[in-house]
Amino acid sequence: WSYTTAANWELPTILDGYRSNFNASFRASDGYIDNRNFVKTVSFDDAEDLNLSYEIGDVDENWTVTFFARNLFEVRPTLFQELKLVGGGMLSSSDGAEVGPDGFKSYGVSFQVNFK
């Protein structure tokens, strides 16, 4: 089983002409095996995860700055010996299960400009 919920709040700003949003998503899941052949190559234990972001920009959406934190509880798979490294630092098995760096905790800032 898996349960996912998300919420997006538009927040007031003290500056005229600006808007801001706060977004949070939460996921909880039972343990599972990430494999089409049901061979225990890559498995995940019971887990919870949280993603957060805060965005501010002008009301015309010409630009935005987003601060984000992903995979805060750092849900990590259990990798077994038969896995091998493939291009791009991905872990892979012969049956196609892959785990990459996007599956780990990350923080950052994103800037977007829209040309109209």
Protein backbone atom coordinates (compact mmCIF):
# COMPACT_ATOMS: atom_id res chain seq x y z
CA TRP A 1 0.00 0.00 0.00
CA SER A 2 0.98 3.61 -0.43
CA TYR A 3 -0.54 6.87 0.83
CA THR A 4 0.33 10.25 -0.68
CA THR A 5 -1.03 13.70 0.14
CA ALA A 6 -0.02 17.18 -0.95
CA ALA A 7 -1.07 20.72 -0.15
CA ASN A 8 -0.38 24.03 -1.86
CA TRP A 9 -0.95 27.34 -0.05
CA GLU A 10 -0.88 30.74 -1.69
CA LEU A 11 0.58 33.05 0.96
CA PRO A 12 0.22 36.82 1.24
CA THR A 13 3.34 38.96 0.85
CA ILE A 14 4.06 42.35 2.39
CA LEU A 15 5.18 43.70 -1.00
CA ASP A 16 2.71 44.82 -3.67
CA GLY A 17 3.05 43.05 -7.00
CA TYR A 18 4.49 39.83 -5.58
CA ARG A 19 3.00 36.43 -4.82
CA SER A 20 4.27 33.43 -2.88
CA ASN A 21 3.35 29.76 -2.51
CA PHE A 22 4.21 27.06 -0.04
CA ASN A 23 3.94 23.41 -1.09
CA ALA A 24 4.26 20.27 1.02
CA SER A 25 3.86 16.63 0.03
CA PHE A 26 3.97 13.58 2.27
CA ARG A 27 4.18 9.92 1.31
CA ALA A 28 3.98 6.79 3.43
CA SER A 29 4.29 3.27 2.04
CA ASP A 30 4.55 -0.34 3.00
CA GLY A 31 7.77 -2.16 2.12
CA TYR A 32 8.05 -3.29 -1.48
CA ILE A 33 10.38 -4.79 -4.06
CA ASP A 34 11.28 -2.69 -7.11
CA ASN A 35 11.57 -5.45 -9.66
CA ARG A 36 9.40 -6.79 -12.46
CA ASN A 37 10.39 -10.42 -11.83
CA PHE A 38 9.69 -10.25 -8.06
CA VAL A 39 13.29 -11.17 -7.26
CA LYS A 40 14.50 -9.31 -4.17
CA THR A 41 17.16 -7.20 -5.91
CA VAL A 42 16.17 -3.71 -4.77
CA SER A 43 13.82 -3.44 -1.80
CA PHE A 44 12.37 -0.61 0.27
CA ASP A 45 11.34 -0.95 3.92
CA ASP A 46 8.19 0.68 5.33
CA ALA A 47 8.85 4.38 4.95
CA GLU A 48 7.62 7.96 5.13
CA ASP A 49 8.91 10.90 3.13
CA LEU A 50 8.42 14.68 3.00
CA ASN A 51 9.03 17.29 0.29
CA LEU A 52 8.76 21.06 0.87
CA SER A 53 9.06 24.12 -1.34
CA TYR A 54 8.55 27.89 -1.03
CA GLU A 55 8.18 30.02 -4.16
CA ILE A 56 8.14 33.80 -4.52
CA GLY A 57 7.76 35.83 -7.71
CA ASP A 58 5.95 38.70 -9.36
CA VAL A 59 2.19 38.52 -9.90
CA ASP A 60 2.64 38.49 -13.71
CA GLU A 61 4.75 35.32 -13.35
CA ASN A 62 7.68 36.84 -15.27
CA TRP A 63 10.10 35.35 -12.73
CA THR A 64 10.09 33.06 -9.70
CA VAL A 65 12.58 31.89 -7.11
CA THR A 66 11.89 28.53 -5.45
CA PHE A 67 13.58 27.14 -2.35
CA PHE A 68 13.12 23.40 -1.99
CA ALA A 69 13.96 20.39 0.15
CA ARG A 70 13.26 16.91 -1.21
CA ASN A 71 13.27 13.44 0.33
CA LEU A 72 13.77 14.88 3.83
CA PHE A 73 13.39 11.55 5.60
CA GLU A 74 15.83 10.08 3.07
CA VAL A 75 14.06 6.87 2.20
CA ARG A 76 16.82 4.60 0.92
CA PRO A 77 16.59 1.31 -0.87
CA THR A 78 18.39 -1.83 0.22
CA LEU A 79 20.76 -2.82 -2.60
CA PHE A 80 21.94 -6.39 -2.95
CA GLN A 81 25.27 -7.82 -4.21
CA GLU A 82 24.10 -8.66 -7.72
CA LEU A 83 23.79 -4.95 -8.56
CA LYS A 84 26.43 -3.25 -10.65
CA LEU A 85 27.25 0.37 -11.53
CA VAL A 86 26.22 1.57 -14.98
CA GLY A 87 26.66 4.91 -16.77
CA GLY A 88 25.80 8.11 -14.92
CA GLY A 89 26.40 6.65 -11.45
CA MET A 90 23.18 4.62 -11.55
CA LEU A 91 22.95 1.32 -9.73
CA SER A 92 21.39 -1.34 -11.88
CA SER A 93 20.64 -5.02 -11.94
CA SER A 94 20.26 -7.36 -14.89
CA ASP A 95 16.46 -7.17 -14.62
CA GLY A 96 16.31 -3.37 -15.00
CA ALA A 97 15.83 -2.09 -11.42
CA GLU A 98 17.66 1.25 -11.02
CA VAL A 99 18.37 3.64 -8.15
CA GLY A 100 19.98 7.01 -8.86
CA PRO A 101 21.08 10.12 -6.98
CA ASP A 102 17.58 11.67 -7.27
CA GLY A 103 16.42 9.22 -4.58
CA PHE A 104 18.38 10.91 -1.78
CA LYS A 105 17.94 14.04 0.35
CA SER A 106 18.49 17.30 -1.54
CA TYR A 107 18.15 21.03 -0.94
CA GLY A 108 18.35 23.85 -3.42
CA VAL A 109 17.22 27.05 -5.06
CA SER A 110 15.68 27.32 -8.50
CA PHE A 111 15.31 30.53 -10.50
CA GLN A 112 12.94 30.76 -13.47
CA VAL A 113 12.45 33.60 -15.98
CA ASN A 114 9.57 33.62 -18.48
CA PHE A 115 10.00 35.61 -21.67
CA LYS A 116 6.66 36.65 -23.12
